[in-house]
Amino acid sequence: NSGGTATYADSVKGRFTIYRDRAKNT
């Protein structure tokens, strides 16, 4: 979300990492 809080599906938690560059919309 806009505050940087990440949510993961249980099946991928601990294996996947999401990253957002807000300034570049990536």
mmCIF file of all heavy atoms, coordinates in Angstrom:
data_MODEL
# 
_entry.id   MODEL 
# 
loop_
_atom_site.group_PDB 
_atom_site.id 
_atom_site.type_symbol 
_atom_site.label_atom_id 
_atom_site.label_alt_id 
_atom_site.label_comp_id 
_atom_site.label_asym_id 
_atom_site.label_entity_id 
_atom_site.label_seq_id 
_atom_site.pdbx_PDB_ins_code 
_atom_site.Cartn_x 
_atom_site.Cartn_y 
_atom_site.Cartn_z 
_atom_site.occupancy 
_atom_site.B_iso_or_equiv 
_atom_site.pdbx_formal_charge 
_atom_site.auth_seq_id 
_atom_site.auth_comp_id 
_atom_site.auth_asym_id 
_atom_site.auth_atom_id 
_atom_site.pdbx_PDB_model_num 
ATOM 1   N N   . ASN A 1 1  ? 0.816  -1.196  0.000   1.00 0.00 ? 1  ASN A N   1 
ATOM 2   C CA  . ASN A 1 1  ? 0.000  0.000   0.000   1.00 0.00 ? 1  ASN A CA  1 
ATOM 3   C C   . ASN A 1 1  ? 0.860  1.260   0.000   1.00 0.00 ? 1  ASN A C   1 
ATOM 4   O O   . ASN A 1 1  ? 2.089  1.202   -0.047  1.00 0.00 ? 1  ASN A O   1 
ATOM 5   C CB  . ASN A 1 1  ? -0.987 -0.015  1.172   1.00 0.00 ? 1  ASN A CB  1 
ATOM 6   C CG  . ASN A 1 1  ? -0.304 0.039   2.533   1.00 0.00 ? 1  ASN A CG  1 
ATOM 7   O OD1 . ASN A 1 1  ? 0.864  0.407   2.660   1.00 0.00 ? 1  ASN A OD1 1 
ATOM 8   N ND2 . ASN A 1 1  ? -1.054 -0.320  3.571   1.00 0.00 ? 1  ASN A ND2 1 
ATOM 9   N N   . SER A 1 2  ? 0.183  2.412   0.067   1.00 0.00 ? 2  SER A N   1 
ATOM 10  C CA  . SER A 1 2  ? 0.887  3.685   -0.019  1.00 0.00 ? 2  SER A CA  1 
ATOM 11  C C   . SER A 1 2  ? 1.819  3.928   1.157   1.00 0.00 ? 2  SER A C   1 
ATOM 12  O O   . SER A 1 2  ? 2.763  4.717   1.047   1.00 0.00 ? 2  SER A O   1 
ATOM 13  C CB  . SER A 1 2  ? -0.121 4.835   -0.126  1.00 0.00 ? 2  SER A CB  1 
ATOM 14  O OG  . SER A 1 2  ? -0.983 4.869   0.997   1.00 0.00 ? 2  SER A OG  1 
ATOM 15  N N   . GLY A 1 3  ? 1.557  3.264   2.280   1.00 0.00 ? 3  GLY A N   1 
ATOM 16  C CA  . GLY A 1 3  ? 2.416  3.395   3.438   1.00 0.00 ? 3  GLY A CA  1 
ATOM 17  C C   . GLY A 1 3  ? 3.576  2.425   3.464   1.00 0.00 ? 3  GLY A C   1 
ATOM 18  O O   . GLY A 1 3  ? 4.379  2.454   4.404   1.00 0.00 ? 3  GLY A O   1 
ATOM 19  N N   . GLY A 1 4  ? 3.658  1.563   2.466   1.00 0.00 ? 4  GLY A N   1 
ATOM 20  C CA  . GLY A 1 4  ? 4.753  0.611   2.389   1.00 0.00 ? 4  GLY A CA  1 
ATOM 21  C C   . GLY A 1 4  ? 4.495  -0.711  3.077   1.00 0.00 ? 4  GLY A C   1 
ATOM 22  O O   . GLY A 1 4  ? 5.416  -1.532  3.192   1.00 0.00 ? 4  GLY A O   1 
ATOM 23  N N   . THR A 1 5  ? 3.272  -0.936  3.524   1.00 0.00 ? 5  THR A N   1 
ATOM 24  C CA  . THR A 1 5  ? 2.931  -2.187  4.175   1.00 0.00 ? 5  THR A CA  1 
ATOM 25  C C   . THR A 1 5  ? 2.641  -3.261  3.135   1.00 0.00 ? 5  THR A C   1 
ATOM 26  O O   . THR A 1 5  ? 1.794  -3.072  2.268   1.00 0.00 ? 5  THR A O   1 
ATOM 27  C CB  . THR A 1 5  ? 1.716  -2.019  5.093   1.00 0.00 ? 5  THR A CB  1 
ATOM 28  O OG1 . THR A 1 5  ? 2.012  -1.037  6.094   1.00 0.00 ? 5  THR A OG1 1 
ATOM 29  C CG2 . THR A 1 5  ? 1.374  -3.335  5.775   1.00 0.00 ? 5  THR A CG2 1 
ATOM 30  N N   . ALA A 1 6  ? 3.326  -4.369  3.248   1.00 0.00 ? 6  ALA A N   1 
ATOM 31  C CA  . ALA A 1 6  ? 3.181  -5.461  2.292   1.00 0.00 ? 6  ALA A CA  1 
ATOM 32  C C   . ALA A 1 6  ? 2.307  -6.567  2.851   1.00 0.00 ? 6  ALA A C   1 
ATOM 33  O O   . ALA A 1 6  ? 2.320  -6.846  4.055   1.00 0.00 ? 6  ALA A O   1 
ATOM 34  C CB  . ALA A 1 6  ? 4.545  -6.021  1.914   1.00 0.00 ? 6  ALA A CB  1 
ATOM 35  N N   . THR A 1 7  ? 1.552  -7.194  1.975   1.00 0.00 ? 7  THR A N   1 
ATOM 36  C CA  . THR A 1 7  ? 0.717  -8.332  2.307   1.00 0.00 ? 7  THR A CA  1 
ATOM 37  C C   . THR A 1 7  ? 1.024  -9.460  1.340   1.00 0.00 ? 7  THR A C   1 
ATOM 38  O O   . THR A 1 7  ? 1.125  -9.237  0.141   1.00 0.00 ? 7  THR A O   1 
ATOM 39  C CB  . THR A 1 7  ? -0.772 -7.976  2.230   1.00 0.00 ? 7  THR A CB  1 
ATOM 40  O OG1 . THR A 1 7  ? -1.062 -6.912  3.145   1.00 0.00 ? 7  THR A OG1 1 
ATOM 41  C CG2 . THR A 1 7  ? -1.637 -9.179  2.584   1.00 0.00 ? 7  THR A CG2 1 
ATOM 42  N N   . TYR A 1 8  ? 1.171  -10.671 1.860   1.00 0.00 ? 8  TYR A N   1 
ATOM 43  C CA  . TYR A 1 8  ? 1.513  -11.823 1.040   1.00 0.00 ? 8  TYR A CA  1 
ATOM 44  C C   . TYR A 1 8  ? 0.513  -12.946 1.228   1.00 0.00 ? 8  TYR A C   1 
ATOM 45  O O   . TYR A 1 8  ? -0.034 -13.143 2.316   1.00 0.00 ? 8  TYR A O   1 
ATOM 46  C CB  . TYR A 1 8  ? 2.900  -12.354 1.395   1.00 0.00 ? 8  TYR A CB  1 
ATOM 47  C CG  . TYR A 1 8  ? 4.021  -11.383 1.180   1.00 0.00 ? 8  TYR A CG  1 
ATOM 48  C CD1 . TYR A 1 8  ? 4.470  -10.557 2.203   1.00 0.00 ? 8  TYR A CD1 1 
ATOM 49  C CD2 . TYR A 1 8  ? 4.649  -11.292 -0.069  1.00 0.00 ? 8  TYR A CD2 1 
ATOM 50  C CE1 . TYR A 1 8  ? 5.510  -9.670  1.996   1.00 0.00 ? 8  TYR A CE1 1 
ATOM 51  C CE2 . TYR A 1 8  ? 5.687  -10.403 -0.273  1.00 0.00 ? 8  TYR A CE2 1 
ATOM 52  C CZ  . TYR A 1 8  ? 6.116  -9.588  0.764   1.00 0.00 ? 8  TYR A CZ  1 
ATOM 53  O OH  . TYR A 1 8  ? 7.150  -8.704  0.555   1.00 0.00 ? 8  TYR A OH  1 
ATOM 54  N N   . ALA A 1 9  ? 0.298  -13.688 0.160   1.00 0.00 ? 9  ALA A N   1 
ATOM 55  C CA  . ALA A 1 9  ? -0.455 -14.921 0.280   1.00 0.00 ? 9  ALA A CA  1 
ATOM 56  C C   . ALA A 1 9  ? 0.330  -15.909 1.128   1.00 0.00 ? 9  ALA A C   1 
ATOM 57  O O   . ALA A 1 9  ? 1.561  -15.926 1.106   1.00 0.00 ? 9  ALA A O   1 
ATOM 58  C CB  . ALA A 1 9  ? -0.727 -15.513 -1.099  1.00 0.00 ? 9  ALA A CB  1 
ATOM 59  N N   . ASP A 1 10 ? -0.386 -16.739 1.878   1.00 0.00 ? 10 ASP A N   1 
ATOM 60  C CA  . ASP A 1 10 ? 0.282  -17.706 2.741   1.00 0.00 ? 10 ASP A CA  1 
ATOM 61  C C   . ASP A 1 10 ? 1.212  -18.629 1.961   1.00 0.00 ? 10 ASP A C   1 
ATOM 62  O O   . ASP A 1 10 ? 2.262  -19.031 2.461   1.00 0.00 ? 10 ASP A O   1 
ATOM 63  C CB  . ASP A 1 10 ? -0.753 -18.543 3.496   1.00 0.00 ? 10 ASP A CB  1 
ATOM 64  C CG  . ASP A 1 10 ? -1.487 -17.754 4.555   1.00 0.00 ? 10 ASP A CG  1 
ATOM 65  O OD1 . ASP A 1 10 ? -0.986 -16.692 4.970   1.00 0.00 ? 10 ASP A OD1 1 
ATOM 66  O OD2 . ASP A 1 10 ? -2.568 -18.209 4.979   1.00 0.00 ? 10 ASP A OD2 1 
ATOM 67  N N   . SER A 1 11 ? 0.844  -18.936 0.740   1.00 0.00 ? 11 SER A N   1 
ATOM 68  C CA  . SER A 1 11 ? 1.613  -19.876 -0.061  1.00 0.00 ? 11 SER A CA  1 
ATOM 69  C C   . SER A 1 11 ? 2.972  -19.339 -0.501  1.00 0.00 ? 11 SER A C   1 
ATOM 70  O O   . SER A 1 11 ? 3.848  -20.118 -0.880  1.00 0.00 ? 11 SER A O   1 
ATOM 71  C CB  . SER A 1 11 ? 0.811  -20.299 -1.295  1.00 0.00 ? 11 SER A CB  1 
ATOM 72  O OG  . SER A 1 11 ? 0.489  -19.175 -2.093  1.00 0.00 ? 11 SER A OG  1 
ATOM 73  N N   . VAL A 1 12 ? 3.158  -18.019 -0.458  1.00 0.00 ? 12 VAL A N   1 
ATOM 74  C CA  . VAL A 1 12 ? 4.418  -17.426 -0.915  1.00 0.00 ? 12 VAL A CA  1 
ATOM 75  C C   . VAL A 1 12 ? 5.174  -16.715 0.192   1.00 0.00 ? 12 VAL A C   1 
ATOM 76  O O   . VAL A 1 12 ? 6.312  -16.281 -0.019  1.00 0.00 ? 12 VAL A O   1 
ATOM 77  C CB  . VAL A 1 12 ? 4.199  -16.457 -2.096  1.00 0.00 ? 12 VAL A CB  1 
ATOM 78  C CG1 . VAL A 1 12 ? 3.416  -17.133 -3.211  1.00 0.00 ? 12 VAL A CG1 1 
ATOM 79  C CG2 . VAL A 1 12 ? 3.496  -15.182 -1.633  1.00 0.00 ? 12 VAL A CG2 1 
ATOM 80  N N   . LYS A 1 13 ? 4.574  -16.589 1.347   1.00 0.00 ? 13 LYS A N   1 
ATOM 81  C CA  . LYS A 1 13 ? 5.186  -15.867 2.449   1.00 0.00 ? 13 LYS A CA  1 
ATOM 82  C C   . LYS A 1 13 ? 6.517  -16.504 2.838   1.00 0.00 ? 13 LYS A C   1 
ATOM 83  O O   . LYS A 1 13 ? 6.611  -17.709 3.017   1.00 0.00 ? 13 LYS A O   1 
ATOM 84  C CB  . LYS A 1 13 ? 4.241  -15.833 3.644   1.00 0.00 ? 13 LYS A CB  1 
ATOM 85  C CG  . LYS A 1 13 ? 4.521  -14.714 4.623   1.00 0.00 ? 13 LYS A CG  1 
ATOM 86  C CD  . LYS A 1 13 ? 3.369  -14.540 5.600   1.00 0.00 ? 13 LYS A CD  1 
ATOM 87  C CE  . LYS A 1 13 ? 3.543  -13.308 6.456   1.00 0.00 ? 13 LYS A CE  1 
ATOM 88  N NZ  . LYS A 1 13 ? 2.377  -13.091 7.362   1.00 0.00 ? 13 LYS A NZ  1 
ATOM 89  N N   . GLY A 1 14 ? 7.543  -15.674 2.958   1.00 0.00 ? 14 GLY A N   1 
ATOM 90  C CA  . GLY A 1 14 ? 8.870  -16.156 3.271   1.00 0.00 ? 14 GLY A CA  1 
ATOM 91  C C   . GLY A 1 14 ? 9.711  -16.475 2.055   1.00 0.00 ? 14 GLY A C   1 
ATOM 92  O O   . GLY A 1 14 ? 10.932 -16.635 2.182   1.00 0.00 ? 14 GLY A O   1 
ATOM 93  N N   . ARG A 1 15 ? 9.091  -16.564 0.894   1.00 0.00 ? 15 ARG A N   1 
ATOM 94  C CA  . ARG A 1 15 ? 9.806  -16.864 -0.342  1.00 0.00 ? 15 ARG A CA  1 
ATOM 95  C C   . ARG A 1 15 ? 9.813  -15.688 -1.311  1.00 0.00 ? 15 ARG A C   1 
ATOM 96  O O   . ARG A 1 15 ? 10.789 -15.500 -2.043  1.00 0.00 ? 15 ARG A O   1 
ATOM 97  C CB  . ARG A 1 15 ? 9.187  -18.073 -1.053  1.00 0.00 ? 15 ARG A CB  1 
ATOM 98  C CG  . ARG A 1 15 ? 9.230  -19.358 -0.236  1.00 0.00 ? 15 ARG A CG  1 
ATOM 99  C CD  . ARG A 1 15 ? 8.767  -20.548 -1.070  1.00 0.00 ? 15 ARG A CD  1 
ATOM 100 N NE  . ARG A 1 15 ? 7.368  -20.422 -1.471  1.00 0.00 ? 15 ARG A NE  1 
ATOM 101 C CZ  . ARG A 1 15 ? 6.952  -20.407 -2.737  1.00 0.00 ? 15 ARG A CZ  1 
ATOM 102 N NH1 . ARG A 1 15 ? 7.827  -20.525 -3.731  1.00 0.00 ? 15 ARG A NH1 1 
ATOM 103 N NH2 . ARG A 1 15 ? 5.656  -20.314 -3.018  1.00 0.00 ? 15 ARG A NH2 1 
ATOM 104 N N   . PHE A 1 16 ? 8.736  -14.915 -1.323  1.00 0.00 ? 16 PHE A N   1 
ATOM 105 C CA  . PHE A 1 16 ? 8.600  -13.787 -2.237  1.00 0.00 ? 16 PHE A CA  1 
ATOM 106 C C   . PHE A 1 16 ? 8.733  -12.480 -1.481  1.00 0.00 ? 16 PHE A C   1 
ATOM 107 O O   . PHE A 1 16 ? 8.342  -12.379 -0.312  1.00 0.00 ? 16 PHE A O   1 
ATOM 108 C CB  . PHE A 1 16 ? 7.241  -13.797 -2.936  1.00 0.00 ? 16 PHE A CB  1 
ATOM 109 C CG  . PHE A 1 16 ? 7.025  -14.927 -3.910  1.00 0.00 ? 16 PHE A CG  1 
ATOM 110 C CD1 . PHE A 1 16 ? 7.927  -15.976 -4.030  1.00 0.00 ? 16 PHE A CD1 1 
ATOM 111 C CD2 . PHE A 1 16 ? 5.899  -14.926 -4.720  1.00 0.00 ? 16 PHE A CD2 1 
ATOM 112 C CE1 . PHE A 1 16 ? 7.716  -17.009 -4.920  1.00 0.00 ? 16 PHE A CE1 1 
ATOM 113 C CE2 . PHE A 1 16 ? 5.675  -15.951 -5.624  1.00 0.00 ? 16 PHE A CE2 1 
ATOM 114 C CZ  . PHE A 1 16 ? 6.579  -16.991 -5.728  1.00 0.00 ? 16 PHE A CZ  1 
ATOM 115 N N   . THR A 1 17 ? 9.254  -11.466 -2.158  1.00 0.00 ? 17 THR A N   1 
ATOM 116 C CA  . THR A 1 17 ? 9.358  -10.134 -1.586  1.00 0.00 ? 17 THR A CA  1 
ATOM 117 C C   . THR A 1 17 ? 8.888  -9.113  -2.612  1.00 0.00 ? 17 THR A C   1 
ATOM 118 O O   . THR A 1 17 ? 9.338  -9.138  -3.758  1.00 0.00 ? 17 THR A O   1 
ATOM 119 C CB  . THR A 1 17 ? 10.797 -9.802  -1.167  1.00 0.00 ? 17 THR A CB  1 
ATOM 120 O OG1 . THR A 1 17 ? 11.269 -10.775 -0.233  1.00 0.00 ? 17 THR A OG1 1 
ATOM 121 C CG2 . THR A 1 17 ? 10.850 -8.430  -0.507  1.00 0.00 ? 17 THR A CG2 1 
ATOM 122 N N   . ILE A 1 18 ? 7.990  -8.223  -2.196  1.00 0.00 ? 18 ILE A N   1 
ATOM 123 C CA  . ILE A 1 18 ? 7.500  -7.177  -3.080  1.00 0.00 ? 18 ILE A CA  1 
ATOM 124 C C   . ILE A 1 18 ? 8.196  -5.867  -2.727  1.00 0.00 ? 18 ILE A C   1 
ATOM 125 O O   . ILE A 1 18 ? 8.439  -5.568  -1.555  1.00 0.00 ? 18 ILE A O   1 
ATOM 126 C CB  . ILE A 1 18 ? 5.965  -7.035  -2.992  1.00 0.00 ? 18 ILE A CB  1 
ATOM 127 C CG1 . ILE A 1 18 ? 5.445  -6.078  -4.073  1.00 0.00 ? 18 ILE A CG1 1 
ATOM 128 C CG2 . ILE A 1 18 ? 5.518  -6.601  -1.607  1.00 0.00 ? 18 ILE A CG2 1 
ATOM 129 C CD1 . ILE A 1 18 ? 3.925  -6.089  -4.217  1.00 0.00 ? 18 ILE A CD1 1 
ATOM 130 N N   . TYR A 1 19 ? 8.517  -5.101  -3.755  1.00 0.00 ? 19 TYR A N   1 
ATOM 131 C CA  . TYR A 1 19 ? 9.178  -3.820  -3.570  1.00 0.00 ? 19 TYR A CA  1 
ATOM 132 C C   . TYR A 1 19 ? 8.527  -2.789  -4.476  1.00 0.00 ? 19 TYR A C   1 
ATOM 133 O O   . TYR A 1 19 ? 8.219  -3.075  -5.636  1.00 0.00 ? 19 TYR A O   1 
ATOM 134 C CB  . TYR A 1 19 ? 10.670 -3.910  -3.890  1.00 0.00 ? 19 TYR A CB  1 
ATOM 135 C CG  . TYR A 1 19 ? 11.369 -2.565  -3.895  1.00 0.00 ? 19 TYR A CG  1 
ATOM 136 C CD1 . TYR A 1 19 ? 11.744 -1.960  -2.700  1.00 0.00 ? 19 TYR A CD1 1 
ATOM 137 C CD2 . TYR A 1 19 ? 11.638 -1.897  -5.086  1.00 0.00 ? 19 TYR A CD2 1 
ATOM 138 C CE1 . TYR A 1 19 ? 12.364 -0.724  -2.701  1.00 0.00 ? 19 TYR A CE1 1 
ATOM 139 C CE2 . TYR A 1 19 ? 12.259 -0.657  -5.087  1.00 0.00 ? 19 TYR A CE2 1 
ATOM 140 C CZ  . TYR A 1 19 ? 12.623 -0.069  -3.895  1.00 0.00 ? 19 TYR A CZ  1 
ATOM 141 O OH  . TYR A 1 19 ? 13.239 1.157   -3.889  1.00 0.00 ? 19 TYR A OH  1 
ATOM 142 N N   . ARG A 1 20 ? 8.325  -1.587  -3.945  1.00 0.00 ? 20 ARG A N   1 
ATOM 143 C CA  . ARG A 1 20 ? 7.721  -0.506  -4.714  1.00 0.00 ? 20 ARG A CA  1 
ATOM 144 C C   . ARG A 1 20 ? 8.587  0.728   -4.674  1.00 0.00 ? 20 ARG A C   1 
ATOM 145 O O   . ARG A 1 20 ? 9.044  1.141   -3.608  1.00 0.00 ? 20 ARG A O   1 
ATOM 146 C CB  . ARG A 1 20 ? 6.329  -0.178  -4.160  1.00 0.00 ? 20 ARG A CB  1 
ATOM 147 C CG  . ARG A 1 20 ? 5.618  0.956   -4.891  1.00 0.00 ? 20 ARG A CG  1 
ATOM 148 C CD  . ARG A 1 20 ? 4.245  1.196   -4.298  1.00 0.00 ? 20 ARG A CD  1 
ATOM 149 N NE  . ARG A 1 20 ? 3.540  2.265   -4.995  1.00 0.00 ? 20 ARG A NE  1 
ATOM 150 C CZ  . ARG A 1 20 ? 2.310  2.657   -4.711  1.00 0.00 ? 20 ARG A CZ  1 
ATOM 151 N NH1 . ARG A 1 20 ? 1.625  2.053   -3.740  1.00 0.00 ? 20 ARG A NH1 1 
ATOM 152 N NH2 . ARG A 1 20 ? 1.751  3.646   -5.398  1.00 0.00 ? 20 ARG A NH2 1 
ATOM 153 N N   . ASP A 1 21 ? 8.805  1.295   -5.845  1.00 0.00 ? 21 ASP A N   1 
ATOM 154 C CA  . ASP A 1 21 ? 9.435  2.590   -5.982  1.00 0.00 ? 21 ASP A CA  1 
ATOM 155 C C   . ASP A 1 21 ? 8.325  3.569   -6.308  1.00 0.00 ? 21 ASP A C   1 
ATOM 156 O O   . ASP A 1 21 ? 7.908  3.695   -7.461  1.00 0.00 ? 21 ASP A O   1 
ATOM 157 C CB  . ASP A 1 21 ? 10.500 2.580   -7.071  1.00 0.00 ? 21 ASP A CB  1 
ATOM 158 C CG  . ASP A 1 21 ? 11.282 3.876   -7.142  1.00 0.00 ? 21 ASP A CG  1 
ATOM 159 O OD1 . ASP A 1 21 ? 10.754 4.931   -6.742  1.00 0.00 ? 21 ASP A OD1 1 
ATOM 160 O OD2 . ASP A 1 21 ? 12.440 3.842   -7.601  1.00 0.00 ? 21 ASP A OD2 1 
ATOM 161 N N   . ARG A 1 22 ? 7.825  4.257   -5.300  1.00 0.00 ? 22 ARG A N   1 
ATOM 162 C CA  . ARG A 1 22 ? 6.661  5.110   -5.469  1.00 0.00 ? 22 ARG A CA  1 
ATOM 163 C C   . ARG A 1 22 ? 6.921  6.266   -6.431  1.00 0.00 ? 22 ARG A C   1 
ATOM 164 O O   . ARG A 1 22 ? 6.054  6.639   -7.219  1.00 0.00 ? 22 ARG A O   1 
ATOM 165 C CB  . ARG A 1 22 ? 6.209  5.644   -4.107  1.00 0.00 ? 22 ARG A CB  1 
ATOM 166 C CG  . ARG A 1 22 ? 4.909  6.415   -4.154  1.00 0.00 ? 22 ARG A CG  1 
ATOM 167 C CD  . ARG A 1 22 ? 4.425  6.778   -2.754  1.00 0.00 ? 22 ARG A CD  1 
ATOM 168 N NE  . ARG A 1 22 ? 3.178  7.530   -2.798  1.00 0.00 ? 22 ARG A NE  1 
ATOM 169 C CZ  . ARG A 1 22 ? 1.984  6.977   -2.856  1.00 0.00 ? 22 ARG A CZ  1 
ATOM 170 N NH1 . ARG A 1 22 ? 1.859  5.660   -2.858  1.00 0.00 ? 22 ARG A NH1 1 
ATOM 171 N NH2 . ARG A 1 22 ? 0.897  7.745   -2.902  1.00 0.00 ? 22 ARG A NH2 1 
ATOM 172 N N   . ALA A 1 23 ? 8.109  6.844   -6.361  1.00 0.00 ? 23 ALA A N   1 
ATOM 173 C CA  . ALA A 1 23 ? 8.424  7.992   -7.203  1.00 0.00 ? 23 ALA A CA  1 
ATOM 174 C C   . ALA A 1 23 ? 8.386  7.631   -8.682  1.00 0.00 ? 23 ALA A C   1 
ATOM 175 O O   . ALA A 1 23 ? 8.030  8.460   -9.524  1.00 0.00 ? 23 ALA A O   1 
ATOM 176 C CB  . ALA A 1 23 ? 9.784  8.572   -6.835  1.00 0.00 ? 23 ALA A CB  1 
ATOM 177 N N   . LYS A 1 24 ? 8.751  6.406   -9.007  1.00 0.00 ? 24 LYS A N   1 
ATOM 178 C CA  . LYS A 1 24 ? 8.806  5.977   -10.397 1.00 0.00 ? 24 LYS A CA  1 
ATOM 179 C C   . LYS A 1 24 ? 7.621  5.119   -10.814 1.00 0.00 ? 24 LYS A C   1 
ATOM 180 O O   . LYS A 1 24 ? 7.549  4.678   -11.960 1.00 0.00 ? 24 LYS A O   1 
ATOM 181 C CB  . LYS A 1 24 ? 10.108 5.227   -10.661 1.00 0.00 ? 24 LYS A CB  1 
ATOM 182 C CG  . LYS A 1 24 ? 11.346 6.086   -10.485 1.00 0.00 ? 24 LYS A CG  1 
ATOM 183 C CD  . LYS A 1 24 ? 12.606 5.313   -10.824 1.00 0.00 ? 24 LYS A CD  1 
ATOM 184 C CE  . LYS A 1 24 ? 13.836 6.190   -10.710 1.00 0.00 ? 24 LYS A CE  1 
ATOM 185 N NZ  . LYS A 1 24 ? 15.078 5.443   -11.049 1.00 0.00 ? 24 LYS A NZ  1 
ATOM 186 N N   . ASN A 1 25 ? 6.704  4.871   -9.881  1.00 0.00 ? 25 ASN A N   1 
ATOM 187 C CA  . ASN A 1 25 ? 5.530  4.041   -10.163 1.00 0.00 ? 25 ASN A CA  1 
ATOM 188 C C   . ASN A 1 25 ? 5.919  2.670   -10.708 1.00 0.00 ? 25 ASN A C   1 
ATOM 189 O O   . ASN A 1 25 ? 5.381  2.196   -11.713 1.00 0.00 ? 25 ASN A O   1 
ATOM 190 C CB  . ASN A 1 25 ? 4.574  4.742   -11.125 1.00 0.00 ? 25 ASN A CB  1 
ATOM 191 C CG  . ASN A 1 25 ? 3.753  5.833   -10.461 1.00 0.00 ? 25 ASN A CG  1 
ATOM 192 O OD1 . ASN A 1 25 ? 3.624  5.870   -9.235  1.00 0.00 ? 25 ASN A OD1 1 
ATOM 193 N ND2 . ASN A 1 25 ? 3.185  6.715   -11.261 1.00 0.00 ? 25 ASN A ND2 1 
ATOM 194 N N   . THR A 1 26 ? 6.858  2.051   -10.034 1.00 0.00 ? 26 THR A N   1 
ATOM 195 C CA  . THR A 1 26 ? 7.251  0.699   -10.402 1.00 0.00 ? 26 THR A CA  1 
ATOM 196 C C   . THR A 1 26 ? 7.096  -0.223  -9.204  1.00 0.00 ? 26 THR A C   1 
ATOM 197 O O   . THR A 1 26 ? 7.198  0.202   -8.050  1.00 0.00 ? 26 THR A O   1 
ATOM 198 C CB  . THR A 1 26 ? 8.702  0.638   -10.903 1.00 0.00 ? 26 THR A CB  1 
ATOM 199 O OG1 . THR A 1 26 ? 9.583  1.094   -9.869  1.00 0.00 ? 26 THR A OG1 1 
ATOM 200 C CG2 . THR A 1 26 ? 8.884  1.502   -12.142 1.00 0.00 ? 26 THR A CG2 1 
# 
